[in-house]
Amino acid sequence: MLTIFYSIMPILAALILGYAVGKSRPQSFPAIAGRLIGPLVWLLLLSIGVEFAEVFKDPATAGRSIYLASVFSLLSTFGSCLLIYIFFCKSTGQPQSRSAPKGKTNFLEPVKECVIAFSMVFIGVLLSCLPFSAGEVLAHLPVSDALLYTLVFFVGIDIVNVQLTAVWRSSKVIVIPVLVVIGSLIGGAAASYISQEDLNTSLALSSGFGWFSLSGVLVSSKLGAVYGTAALLTDLFRELLAILLLYLFGYKYARECIGAGGATSLDTTLPIIKQRCESDHIPAALVSGFILTLIAPLLMTFLLSAA
């Protein structure tokens, strides 16, 4: 129990400290944090690529990571969407509003973020293979702790301006992240059976909710580079699936697609949600992304400590 407590506390402290700093200067600090999170994530992914280089040098190991990521991302996303669909069908008698799709949207912008993420990891792998000292320097970047806590700190600052107010009082809004957590864990359990992986490890791989930079670092520090790569790819695949689902079905199944976005509905997929879903679903996206952003590091650390 103490091990779990000591693992969770630094992440929670970084998040709370960031929120307190953001509250002290709500007009300036969140804007600064918003600009720094992107480059910080890129540096983190670059460092992850360096750390995971040994995995990608072994085709069999790399293939295993991609296989696990494919299974876990599909089942955890499907589990979340299915539970949300069933819940709202029973509570309202109809799945969603059936308004027509909105106009043309910029598909390339959110996809670009995923491409950049994959590219930074790939560049890190390449740099680690350099025959001169640069590769050794990169290999000593502070991946697991300093960068992760700094990222969580800036996320705490960034969420200060999220307007939740009366939206919290709507049970239909709060239930979405709850169903995402349950559906993801059910999907993780099913993936454990299919992949023959340990149950706690499988649940941990399914509890990143699309936050790839967080899951990659946490899992790597606890279970090694193979599983860290699988966790990173799982959440990148989840984000890509959410983008695809939003463009195909967001106008008709908004809540399900918001659930598929997981924690990214607060940031990366939010512009698509605004474009493809009715405006009354935007508060649900903000609340869901906010809650899952808070839950992901705590739940994943807990499950990894028990693995």
C-alpha atoms as a PDB file:
ATOM      1  CA  MET A   1       0.000   0.000   0.000  1.00  0.00           C
ATOM      2  CA  LEU A   2       2.831   2.412   0.825  1.00  0.00           C
ATOM      3  CA  THR A   3       4.432   1.654  -2.539  1.00  0.00           C
ATOM      4  CA  ILE A   4       1.224   2.660  -4.329  1.00  0.00           C
ATOM      5  CA  PHE A   5       0.942   5.791  -2.163  1.00  0.00           C
ATOM      6  CA  TYR A   6       4.516   6.908  -2.857  1.00  0.00           C
ATOM      7  CA  SER A   7       4.064   6.244  -6.584  1.00  0.00           C
ATOM      8  CA  ILE A   8       0.874   8.286  -6.858  1.00  0.00           C
ATOM      9  CA  MET A   9       1.809  11.229  -4.628  1.00  0.00           C
ATOM     10  CA  PRO A  10       4.458  12.883  -6.897  1.00  0.00           C
ATOM     11  CA  ILE A  11       2.027  12.914  -9.845  1.00  0.00           C
ATOM     12  CA  LEU A  12      -0.850  14.203  -7.736  1.00  0.00           C
ATOM     13  CA  ALA A  13       1.410  16.807  -6.112  1.00  0.00           C
ATOM     14  CA  ALA A  14       2.643  18.030  -9.511  1.00  0.00           C
ATOM     15  CA  LEU A  15      -0.951  18.338 -10.763  1.00  0.00           C
ATOM     16  CA  ILE A  16      -2.166  20.181  -7.637  1.00  0.00           C
ATOM     17  CA  LEU A  17       0.872  22.470  -7.602  1.00  0.00           C
ATOM     18  CA  GLY A  18       0.332  23.318 -11.265  1.00  0.00           C
ATOM     19  CA  TYR A  19      -3.336  24.080 -10.629  1.00  0.00           C
ATOM     20  CA  ALA A  20      -2.426  26.316  -7.663  1.00  0.00           C
ATOM     21  CA  VAL A  21       0.147  28.205  -9.741  1.00  0.00           C
ATOM     22  CA  GLY A  22      -2.372  28.623 -12.558  1.00  0.00           C
ATOM     23  CA  LYS A  23      -4.988  29.930 -10.114  1.00  0.00           C
ATOM     24  CA  SER A  24      -2.563  32.548  -8.802  1.00  0.00           C
ATOM     25  CA  ARG A  25      -2.281  34.143 -12.257  1.00  0.00           C
ATOM     26  CA  PRO A  26      -5.232  32.807 -14.291  1.00  0.00           C
ATOM     27  CA  GLN A  27      -4.772  35.370 -17.063  1.00  0.00           C
ATOM     28  CA  SER A  28      -1.128  34.651 -17.887  1.00  0.00           C
ATOM     29  CA  PHE A  29       0.154  31.308 -16.578  1.00  0.00           C
ATOM     30  CA  PRO A  30      -2.384  29.034 -18.372  1.00  0.00           C
ATOM     31  CA  ALA A  31      -1.561  30.700 -21.682  1.00  0.00           C
ATOM     32  CA  ILE A  32       2.156  30.126 -21.103  1.00  0.00           C
ATOM     33  CA  ALA A  33       1.542  26.520 -20.050  1.00  0.00           C
ATOM     34  CA  GLY A  34      -0.545  25.904 -23.163  1.00  0.00           C
ATOM     35  CA  ARG A  35       2.357  26.989 -25.356  1.00  0.00           C
ATOM     36  CA  LEU A  36       4.903  24.883 -23.461  1.00  0.00           C
ATOM     37  CA  ILE A  37       2.975  21.612 -23.251  1.00  0.00           C
ATOM     38  CA  GLY A  38       3.381  20.850 -26.972  1.00  0.00           C
ATOM     39  CA  PRO A  39       7.190  21.208 -27.129  1.00  0.00           C
ATOM     40  CA  LEU A  40       7.512  19.412 -23.798  1.00  0.00           C
ATOM     41  CA  VAL A  41       5.503  16.464 -25.114  1.00  0.00           C
ATOM     42  CA  TRP A  42       7.701  16.388 -28.226  1.00  0.00           C
ATOM     43  CA  LEU A  43      10.848  16.292 -26.061  1.00  0.00           C
ATOM     44  CA  LEU A  44       9.288  13.562 -23.962  1.00  0.00           C
ATOM     45  CA  LEU A  45       8.438  11.523 -27.045  1.00  0.00           C
ATOM     46  CA  LEU A  46      11.919  12.049 -28.447  1.00  0.00           C
ATOM     47  CA  SER A  47      13.368  10.738 -25.212  1.00  0.00           C
ATOM     48  CA  ILE A  48      10.965   7.798 -25.245  1.00  0.00           C
ATOM     49  CA  GLY A  49      12.169   6.973 -28.748  1.00  0.00           C
ATOM     50  CA  VAL A  50      15.748   6.902 -27.498  1.00  0.00           C
ATOM     51  CA  GLU A  51      14.776   4.672 -24.595  1.00  0.00           C
ATOM     52  CA  PHE A  52      12.762   2.325 -26.799  1.00  0.00           C
ATOM     53  CA  ALA A  53      15.454   1.973 -29.447  1.00  0.00           C
ATOM     54  CA  GLU A  54      16.470  -1.439 -28.210  1.00  0.00           C
ATOM     55  CA  VAL A  55      12.904  -2.659 -28.667  1.00  0.00           C
ATOM     56  CA  PHE A  56      12.669  -1.516 -32.272  1.00  0.00           C
ATOM     57  CA  LYS A  57      16.053  -3.067 -33.095  1.00  0.00           C
ATOM     58  CA  ASP A  58      14.472  -6.456 -32.465  1.00  0.00           C
ATOM     59  CA  PRO A  59      11.760  -7.067 -35.119  1.00  0.00           C
ATOM     60  CA  ALA A  60      10.092  -9.763 -33.033  1.00  0.00           C
ATOM     61  CA  THR A  61       9.853  -7.485 -29.976  1.00  0.00           C
ATOM     62  CA  ALA A  62       8.627  -4.531 -32.034  1.00  0.00           C
ATOM     63  CA  GLY A  63       6.041  -6.743 -33.678  1.00  0.00           C
ATOM     64  CA  ARG A  64       4.833  -7.870 -30.255  1.00  0.00           C
ATOM     65  CA  SER A  65       4.390  -4.248 -29.111  1.00  0.00           C
ATOM     66  CA  ILE A  66       2.415  -3.338 -32.227  1.00  0.00           C
ATOM     67  CA  TYR A  67       0.248  -6.439 -31.855  1.00  0.00           C
ATOM     68  CA  LEU A  68      -0.517  -5.653 -28.198  1.00  0.00           C
ATOM     69  CA  ALA A  69      -1.254  -2.007 -29.028  1.00  0.00           C
ATOM     70  CA  SER A  70      -3.659  -2.990 -31.793  1.00  0.00           C
ATOM     71  CA  VAL A  71      -5.573  -5.437 -29.587  1.00  0.00           C
ATOM     72  CA  PHE A  72      -5.744  -3.164 -26.543  1.00  0.00           C
ATOM     73  CA  SER A  73      -6.649   0.019 -28.434  1.00  0.00           C
ATOM     74  CA  LEU A  74      -9.446  -1.658 -30.382  1.00  0.00           C
ATOM     75  CA  LEU A  75     -11.007  -3.472 -27.425  1.00  0.00           C
ATOM     76  CA  SER A  76     -10.724  -0.598 -24.930  1.00  0.00           C
ATOM     77  CA  THR A  77     -12.214   1.861 -27.435  1.00  0.00           C
ATOM     78  CA  PHE A  78     -14.975  -0.571 -28.424  1.00  0.00           C
ATOM     79  CA  GLY A  79     -15.776  -1.320 -24.778  1.00  0.00           C
ATOM     80  CA  SER A  80     -16.140   2.373 -23.950  1.00  0.00           C
ATOM     81  CA  CYS A  81     -18.300   3.179 -26.983  1.00  0.00           C
ATOM     82  CA  LEU A  82     -20.534   0.143 -26.472  1.00  0.00           C
ATOM     83  CA  LEU A  83     -21.268   0.926 -22.826  1.00  0.00           C
ATOM     84  CA  ILE A  84     -22.105   4.549 -23.624  1.00  0.00           C
ATOM     85  CA  TYR A  85     -24.368   3.463 -26.491  1.00  0.00           C
ATOM     86  CA  ILE A  86     -26.227   0.944 -24.313  1.00  0.00           C
ATOM     87  CA  PHE A  87     -26.617   3.384 -21.420  1.00  0.00           C
ATOM     88  CA  PHE A  88     -28.057   6.229 -23.469  1.00  0.00           C
ATOM     89  CA  CYS A  89     -30.259   3.947 -25.540  1.00  0.00           C
ATOM     90  CA  LYS A  90     -31.906   2.673 -22.363  1.00  0.00           C
ATOM     91  CA  SER A  91     -32.122   6.063 -20.644  1.00  0.00           C
ATOM     92  CA  THR A  92     -33.425   8.096 -23.580  1.00  0.00           C
ATOM     93  CA  GLY A  93     -34.916   5.488 -25.894  1.00  0.00           C
ATOM     94  CA  GLN A  94     -32.775   6.682 -28.798  1.00  0.00           C
ATOM     95  CA  PRO A  95     -29.014   6.647 -29.346  1.00  0.00           C
ATOM     96  CA  GLN A  96     -28.348  10.252 -30.329  1.00  0.00           C
ATOM     97  CA  SER A  97     -29.644  13.225 -32.206  1.00  0.00           C
ATOM     98  CA  ARG A  98     -29.709  12.563 -35.926  1.00  0.00           C
ATOM     99  CA  SER A  99     -28.776  15.951 -37.271  1.00  0.00           C
ATOM    100  CA  ALA A 100     -27.024  16.190 -40.599  1.00  0.00           C
ATOM    101  CA  PRO A 101     -23.229  16.335 -40.730  1.00  0.00           C
ATOM    102  CA  LYS A 102     -21.743  19.773 -40.456  1.00  0.00           C
ATOM    103  CA  GLY A 103     -19.731  21.413 -43.182  1.00  0.00           C
ATOM    104  CA  LYS A 104     -16.224  20.670 -44.303  1.00  0.00           C
ATOM    105  CA  THR A 105     -13.647  20.503 -41.555  1.00  0.00           C
ATOM    106  CA  ASN A 106      -9.898  20.607 -41.321  1.00  0.00           C
ATOM    107  CA  PHE A 107      -9.044  16.921 -41.091  1.00  0.00           C
ATOM    108  CA  LEU A 108      -5.292  17.494 -41.387  1.00  0.00           C
ATOM    109  CA  GLU A 109      -4.845  19.547 -38.201  1.00  0.00           C
ATOM    110  CA  PRO A 110      -5.575  16.830 -35.588  1.00  0.00           C
ATOM    111  CA  VAL A 111      -3.994  14.123 -37.718  1.00  0.00           C
ATOM    112  CA  LYS A 112      -0.847  16.257 -37.886  1.00  0.00           C
ATOM    113  CA  GLU A 113      -0.506  16.006 -34.098  1.00  0.00           C
ATOM    114  CA  CYS A 114      -0.490  12.206 -34.262  1.00  0.00           C
ATOM    115  CA  VAL A 115       1.997  12.242 -37.143  1.00  0.00           C
ATOM    116  CA  ILE A 116       4.301  14.536 -35.149  1.00  0.00           C
ATOM    117  CA  ALA A 117       4.044  12.222 -32.144  1.00  0.00           C
ATOM    118  CA  PHE A 118       4.987   9.150 -34.188  1.00  0.00           C
ATOM    119  CA  SER A 119       7.758  11.122 -35.891  1.00  0.00           C
ATOM    120  CA  MET A 120       9.357  12.262 -32.614  1.00  0.00           C
ATOM    121  CA  VAL A 121       9.466   8.696 -31.333  1.00  0.00           C
ATOM    122  CA  PHE A 122      10.940   7.527 -34.645  1.00  0.00           C
ATOM    123  CA  ILE A 123      13.560  10.314 -34.612  1.00  0.00           C
ATOM    124  CA  GLY A 124      14.507   9.336 -31.079  1.00  0.00           C
ATOM    125  CA  VAL A 125      15.036   5.745 -32.209  1.00  0.00           C
ATOM    126  CA  LEU A 126      17.215   6.916 -35.095  1.00  0.00           C
ATOM    127  CA  LEU A 127      19.257   9.290 -32.924  1.00  0.00           C
ATOM    128  CA  SER A 128      19.967   6.551 -30.424  1.00  0.00           C
ATOM    129  CA  CYS A 129      21.642   4.588 -33.204  1.00  0.00           C
ATOM    130  CA  LEU A 130      24.092   7.367 -34.085  1.00  0.00           C
ATOM    131  CA  PRO A 131      27.725   6.209 -33.996  1.00  0.00           C
ATOM    132  CA  PHE A 132      28.963   9.342 -32.213  1.00  0.00           C
ATOM    133  CA  SER A 133      28.464  10.976 -28.819  1.00  0.00           C
ATOM    134  CA  ALA A 134      25.105  12.620 -29.631  1.00  0.00           C
ATOM    135  CA  GLY A 135      23.378   9.300 -29.212  1.00  0.00           C
ATOM    136  CA  GLU A 136      24.957   8.833 -25.775  1.00  0.00           C
ATOM    137  CA  VAL A 137      23.915  12.324 -24.698  1.00  0.00           C
ATOM    138  CA  LEU A 138      20.327  11.690 -25.752  1.00  0.00           C
ATOM    139  CA  ALA A 139      20.338   8.380 -23.925  1.00  0.00           C
ATOM    140  CA  HIS A 140      20.786  10.270 -20.641  1.00  0.00           C
ATOM    141  CA  LEU A 141      17.797  12.576 -21.015  1.00  0.00           C
ATOM    142  CA  PRO A 142      15.589  12.568 -17.881  1.00  0.00           C
ATOM    143  CA  VAL A 143      12.673  10.631 -19.340  1.00  0.00           C
ATOM    144  CA  SER A 144      10.830   8.821 -16.640  1.00  0.00           C
ATOM    145  CA  ASP A 145      10.643  11.350 -13.811  1.00  0.00           C
ATOM    146  CA  ALA A 146      11.595  14.965 -14.464  1.00  0.00           C
ATOM    147  CA  LEU A 147       9.895  15.358 -17.843  1.00  0.00           C
ATOM    148  CA  LEU A 148       6.785  13.487 -16.753  1.00  0.00           C
ATOM    149  CA  TYR A 149       6.276  15.518 -13.581  1.00  0.00           C
ATOM    150  CA  THR A 150       6.959  18.743 -15.459  1.00  0.00           C
ATOM    151  CA  LEU A 151       4.343  17.792 -18.051  1.00  0.00           C
ATOM    152  CA  VAL A 152       1.760  16.984 -15.351  1.00  0.00           C
ATOM    153  CA  PHE A 153       2.602  20.311 -13.649  1.00  0.00           C
ATOM    154  CA  PHE A 154       1.874  22.261 -16.835  1.00  0.00           C
ATOM    155  CA  VAL A 155      -1.320  20.267 -17.426  1.00  0.00           C
ATOM    156  CA  GLY A 156      -2.419  21.380 -13.953  1.00  0.00           C
ATOM    157  CA  ILE A 157      -1.848  24.997 -14.958  1.00  0.00           C
ATOM    158  CA  ASP A 158      -3.565  24.524 -18.302  1.00  0.00           C
ATOM    159  CA  ILE A 159      -6.840  23.159 -16.888  1.00  0.00           C
ATOM    160  CA  VAL A 160      -7.412  26.199 -14.663  1.00  0.00           C
ATOM    161  CA  ASN A 161      -9.555  27.930 -17.286  1.00  0.00           C
ATOM    162  CA  VAL A 162     -11.747  24.916 -18.049  1.00  0.00           C
ATOM    163  CA  GLN A 163     -15.282  26.119 -17.328  1.00  0.00           C
ATOM    164  CA  LEU A 164     -17.215  23.303 -15.641  1.00  0.00           C
ATOM    165  CA  THR A 165     -19.660  25.203 -13.338  1.00  0.00           C
ATOM    166  CA  ALA A 166     -23.248  23.898 -13.621  1.00  0.00           C
ATOM    167  CA  VAL A 167     -22.277  21.172 -16.078  1.00  0.00           C
ATOM    168  CA  TRP A 168     -21.112  19.077 -13.107  1.00  0.00           C
ATOM    169  CA  ARG A 169     -24.711  18.769 -11.943  1.00  0.00           C
ATOM    170  CA  SER A 170     -25.764  16.817 -15.030  1.00  0.00           C
ATOM    171  CA  SER A 171     -25.623  13.071 -14.435  1.00  0.00           C
ATOM    172  CA  LYS A 172     -25.678  12.431 -18.182  1.00  0.00           C
ATOM    173  CA  VAL A 173     -22.420  14.352 -18.495  1.00  0.00           C
ATOM    174  CA  ILE A 174     -20.634  12.795 -15.525  1.00  0.00           C
ATOM    175  CA  VAL A 175     -21.608   9.270 -16.592  1.00  0.00           C
ATOM    176  CA  ILE A 176     -19.574   9.457 -19.828  1.00  0.00           C
ATOM    177  CA  PRO A 177     -16.088   9.347 -18.219  1.00  0.00           C
ATOM    178  CA  VAL A 178     -17.333   6.747 -15.722  1.00  0.00           C
ATOM    179  CA  LEU A 179     -18.416   4.501 -18.596  1.00  0.00           C
ATOM    180  CA  VAL A 180     -15.133   5.172 -20.418  1.00  0.00           C
ATOM    181  CA  VAL A 181     -13.183   3.922 -17.396  1.00  0.00           C
ATOM    182  CA  ILE A 182     -15.376   0.826 -16.982  1.00  0.00           C
ATOM    183  CA  GLY A 183     -15.471   0.093 -20.717  1.00  0.00           C
ATOM    184  CA  SER A 184     -11.713   0.501 -21.062  1.00  0.00           C
ATOM    185  CA  LEU A 185     -11.058  -1.886 -18.194  1.00  0.00           C
ATOM    186  CA  ILE A 186     -13.526  -4.423 -19.597  1.00  0.00           C
ATOM    187  CA  GLY A 187     -11.756  -4.111 -22.946  1.00  0.00           C
ATOM    188  CA  GLY A 188      -8.419  -4.551 -21.177  1.00  0.00           C
ATOM    189  CA  ALA A 189      -9.666  -7.713 -19.472  1.00  0.00           C
ATOM    190  CA  ALA A 190     -10.831  -9.096 -22.825  1.00  0.00           C
ATOM    191  CA  ALA A 191      -7.474  -8.178 -24.361  1.00  0.00           C
ATOM    192  CA  SER A 192      -5.741  -9.979 -21.498  1.00  0.00           C
ATOM    193  CA  TYR A 193      -7.594 -13.160 -22.433  1.00  0.00           C
ATOM    194  CA  ILE A 194      -6.783 -12.793 -26.142  1.00  0.00           C
ATOM    195  CA  SER A 195      -3.123 -11.822 -25.706  1.00  0.00           C
ATOM    196  CA  GLN A 196      -2.472 -14.051 -22.671  1.00  0.00           C
ATOM    197  CA  GLU A 197      -0.988 -11.111 -20.784  1.00  0.00           C
ATOM    198  CA  ASP A 198      -1.182 -10.639 -17.010  1.00  0.00           C
ATOM    199  CA  LEU A 199      -4.533  -9.084 -15.999  1.00  0.00           C
ATOM    200  CA  ASN A 200      -3.108  -6.149 -14.010  1.00  0.00           C
ATOM    201  CA  THR A 201      -0.670  -5.351 -16.806  1.00  0.00           C
ATOM    202  CA  SER A 202      -3.502  -5.487 -19.326  1.00  0.00           C
ATOM    203  CA  LEU A 203      -5.692  -3.193 -17.249  1.00  0.00           C
ATOM    204  CA  ALA A 204      -2.804  -0.738 -16.944  1.00  0.00           C
ATOM    205  CA  LEU A 205      -2.297  -0.725 -20.723  1.00  0.00           C
ATOM    206  CA  SER A 206      -5.991   0.091 -21.141  1.00  0.00           C
ATOM    207  CA  SER A 207      -6.146   2.922 -18.604  1.00  0.00           C
ATOM    208  CA  GLY A 208      -4.187   5.648 -20.405  1.00  0.00           C
ATOM    209  CA  PHE A 209      -7.387   6.918 -22.099  1.00  0.00           C
ATOM    210  CA  GLY A 210      -5.434   8.289 -25.054  1.00  0.00           C
ATOM    211  CA  TRP A 211      -2.767  10.126 -23.005  1.00  0.00           C
ATOM    212  CA  PHE A 212       0.133   8.522 -24.885  1.00  0.00           C
ATOM    213  CA  SER A 213       3.015  10.550 -23.441  1.00  0.00           C
ATOM    214  CA  LEU A 214       1.948   9.711 -19.908  1.00  0.00           C
ATOM    215  CA  SER A 215       1.271   6.001 -20.435  1.00  0.00           C
ATOM    216  CA  GLY A 216       4.485   5.390 -22.368  1.00  0.00           C
ATOM    217  CA  VAL A 217       6.662   6.820 -19.603  1.00  0.00           C
ATOM    218  CA  LEU A 218       4.800   5.266 -16.669  1.00  0.00           C
ATOM    219  CA  VAL A 219       4.622   1.767 -18.126  1.00  0.00           C
ATOM    220  CA  SER A 220       8.218   1.875 -19.343  1.00  0.00           C
ATOM    221  CA  SER A 221       9.507   2.825 -15.892  1.00  0.00           C
ATOM    222  CA  LYS A 222       7.626  -0.040 -14.258  1.00  0.00           C
ATOM    223  CA  LEU A 223       7.549  -2.849 -16.829  1.00  0.00           C
ATOM    224  CA  GLY A 224      10.309  -2.067 -19.308  1.00  0.00           C
ATOM    225  CA  ALA A 225      10.590  -0.746 -22.842  1.00  0.00           C
ATOM    226  CA  VAL A 226       8.543  -3.452 -24.574  1.00  0.00           C
ATOM    227  CA  TYR A 227       5.418  -2.741 -22.555  1.00  0.00           C
ATOM    228  CA  GLY A 228       6.186   0.977 -22.544  1.00  0.00           C
ATOM    229  CA  THR A 229       6.170   0.945 -26.331  1.00  0.00           C
ATOM    230  CA  ALA A 230       2.926  -1.028 -26.326  1.00  0.00           C
ATOM    231  CA  ALA A 231       1.332   1.512 -23.957  1.00  0.00           C
ATOM    232  CA  LEU A 232       2.489   4.461 -26.051  1.00  0.00           C
ATOM    233  CA  LEU A 233       1.198   2.908 -29.272  1.00  0.00           C
ATOM    234  CA  THR A 234      -2.054   1.810 -27.612  1.00  0.00           C
ATOM    235  CA  ASP A 235      -2.966   5.381 -26.710  1.00  0.00           C
ATOM    236  CA  LEU A 236      -1.759   6.794 -30.017  1.00  0.00           C
ATOM    237  CA  PHE A 237      -3.963   4.246 -31.785  1.00  0.00           C
ATOM    238  CA  ARG A 238      -6.866   5.182 -29.489  1.00  0.00           C
ATOM    239  CA  GLU A 239      -6.472   8.816 -30.456  1.00  0.00           C
ATOM    240  CA  LEU A 240      -6.383   7.966 -34.147  1.00  0.00           C
ATOM    241  CA  LEU A 241      -9.486   5.789 -33.753  1.00  0.00           C
ATOM    242  CA  ALA A 242     -11.279   8.641 -31.975  1.00  0.00           C
ATOM    243  CA  ILE A 243     -10.435  11.049 -34.806  1.00  0.00           C
ATOM    244  CA  LEU A 244     -11.700   8.572 -37.371  1.00  0.00           C
ATOM    245  CA  LEU A 245     -14.916   7.862 -35.438  1.00  0.00           C
ATOM    246  CA  LEU A 246     -15.631  11.554 -34.925  1.00  0.00           C
ATOM    247  CA  TYR A 247     -15.404  12.286 -38.624  1.00  0.00           C
ATOM    248  CA  LEU A 248     -17.482   9.280 -39.577  1.00  0.00           C
ATOM    249  CA  PHE A 249     -20.089   9.185 -36.793  1.00  0.00           C
ATOM    250  CA  GLY A 250     -19.685  12.283 -34.610  1.00  0.00           C
ATOM    251  CA  TYR A 251     -22.833  13.959 -35.940  1.00  0.00           C
ATOM    252  CA  LYS A 252     -24.980  10.965 -35.007  1.00  0.00           C
ATOM    253  CA  TYR A 253     -23.218   9.303 -32.069  1.00  0.00           C
ATOM    254  CA  ALA A 254     -21.593  12.246 -30.329  1.00  0.00           C
ATOM    255  CA  ARG A 255     -21.394  10.796 -26.826  1.00  0.00           C
ATOM    256  CA  GLU A 256     -19.871   7.530 -28.028  1.00  0.00           C
ATOM    257  CA  CYS A 257     -17.251   9.395 -30.048  1.00  0.00           C
ATOM    258  CA  ILE A 258     -16.464  11.712 -27.145  1.00  0.00           C
ATOM    259  CA  GLY A 259     -15.956   8.596 -25.033  1.00  0.00           C
ATOM    260  CA  ALA A 260     -13.640   7.151 -27.679  1.00  0.00           C
ATOM    261  CA  GLY A 261     -11.532  10.309 -27.407  1.00  0.00           C
ATOM    262  CA  GLY A 262     -10.951   9.707 -23.693  1.00  0.00           C
ATOM    263  CA  ALA A 263      -8.659  12.298 -22.125  1.00  0.00           C
ATOM    264  CA  THR A 264      -7.999  13.855 -25.539  1.00  0.00           C
ATOM    265  CA  SER A 265     -11.532  15.302 -25.663  1.00  0.00           C
ATOM    266  CA  LEU A 266     -10.144  18.098 -23.493  1.00  0.00           C
ATOM    267  CA  ASP A 267      -7.491  19.028 -26.051  1.00  0.00           C
ATOM    268  CA  THR A 268      -6.510  17.185 -29.246  1.00  0.00           C
ATOM    269  CA  THR A 269      -9.926  15.973 -30.366  1.00  0.00           C
ATOM    270  CA  LEU A 270     -11.874  18.950 -28.977  1.00  0.00           C
ATOM    271  CA  PRO A 271     -11.677  20.952 -32.246  1.00  0.00           C
ATOM    272  CA  ILE A 272     -13.184  17.996 -34.141  1.00  0.00           C
ATOM    273  CA  ILE A 273     -15.894  17.593 -31.508  1.00  0.00           C
ATOM    274  CA  LYS A 274     -16.780  21.256 -32.001  1.00  0.00           C
ATOM    275  CA  GLN A 275     -16.961  20.709 -35.765  1.00  0.00           C
ATOM    276  CA  ARG A 276     -18.744  17.367 -35.987  1.00  0.00           C
ATOM    277  CA  CYS A 277     -21.029  17.319 -32.931  1.00  0.00           C
ATOM    278  CA  GLU A 278     -23.868  19.534 -31.759  1.00  0.00           C
ATOM    279  CA  SER A 279     -22.785  22.433 -29.546  1.00  0.00           C
ATOM    280  CA  ASP A 280     -24.630  21.032 -26.508  1.00  0.00           C
ATOM    281  CA  HIS A 281     -22.169  18.121 -26.463  1.00  0.00           C
ATOM    282  CA  ILE A 282     -19.106  20.364 -25.975  1.00  0.00           C
ATOM    283  CA  PRO A 283     -19.524  20.643 -22.158  1.00  0.00           C
ATOM    284  CA  ALA A 284     -19.673  16.842 -21.998  1.00  0.00           C
ATOM    285  CA  ALA A 285     -16.387  16.663 -23.910  1.00  0.00           C
ATOM    286  CA  LEU A 286     -14.709  19.150 -21.570  1.00  0.00           C
ATOM    287  CA  VAL A 287     -15.917  17.406 -18.420  1.00  0.00           C
ATOM    288  CA  SER A 288     -15.077  13.931 -19.706  1.00  0.00           C
ATOM    289  CA  GLY A 289     -11.596  14.934 -20.841  1.00  0.00           C
ATOM    290  CA  PHE A 290     -10.975  16.798 -17.593  1.00  0.00           C
ATOM    291  CA  ILE A 291     -11.992  13.884 -15.345  1.00  0.00           C
ATOM    292  CA  LEU A 292     -10.097  11.286 -17.396  1.00  0.00           C
ATOM    293  CA  THR A 293      -6.987  13.490 -17.400  1.00  0.00           C
ATOM    294  CA  LEU A 294      -7.107  13.460 -13.600  1.00  0.00           C
ATOM    295  CA  ILE A 295      -7.890   9.749 -13.321  1.00  0.00           C
ATOM    296  CA  ALA A 296      -5.411   8.362 -15.888  1.00  0.00           C
ATOM    297  CA  PRO A 297      -2.107   8.854 -13.996  1.00  0.00           C
ATOM    298  CA  LEU A 298      -3.591   7.756 -10.679  1.00  0.00           C
ATOM    299  CA  LEU A 299      -5.346   4.661 -12.011  1.00  0.00           C
ATOM    300  CA  MET A 300      -2.430   3.613 -14.191  1.00  0.00           C
ATOM    301  CA  THR A 301       0.083   4.048 -11.344  1.00  0.00           C
ATOM    302  CA  PHE A 302      -2.161   2.036  -9.014  1.00  0.00           C
ATOM    303  CA  LEU A 303      -2.511  -0.815 -11.518  1.00  0.00           C
ATOM    304  CA  LEU A 304       1.204  -0.818 -12.327  1.00  0.00           C
ATOM    305  CA  SER A 305       2.058  -1.002  -8.624  1.00  0.00           C
ATOM    306  CA  ALA A 306      -0.134  -4.098  -8.368  1.00  0.00           C
ATOM    307  CA  ALA A 307       1.269  -5.678 -11.554  1.00  0.00           C
END
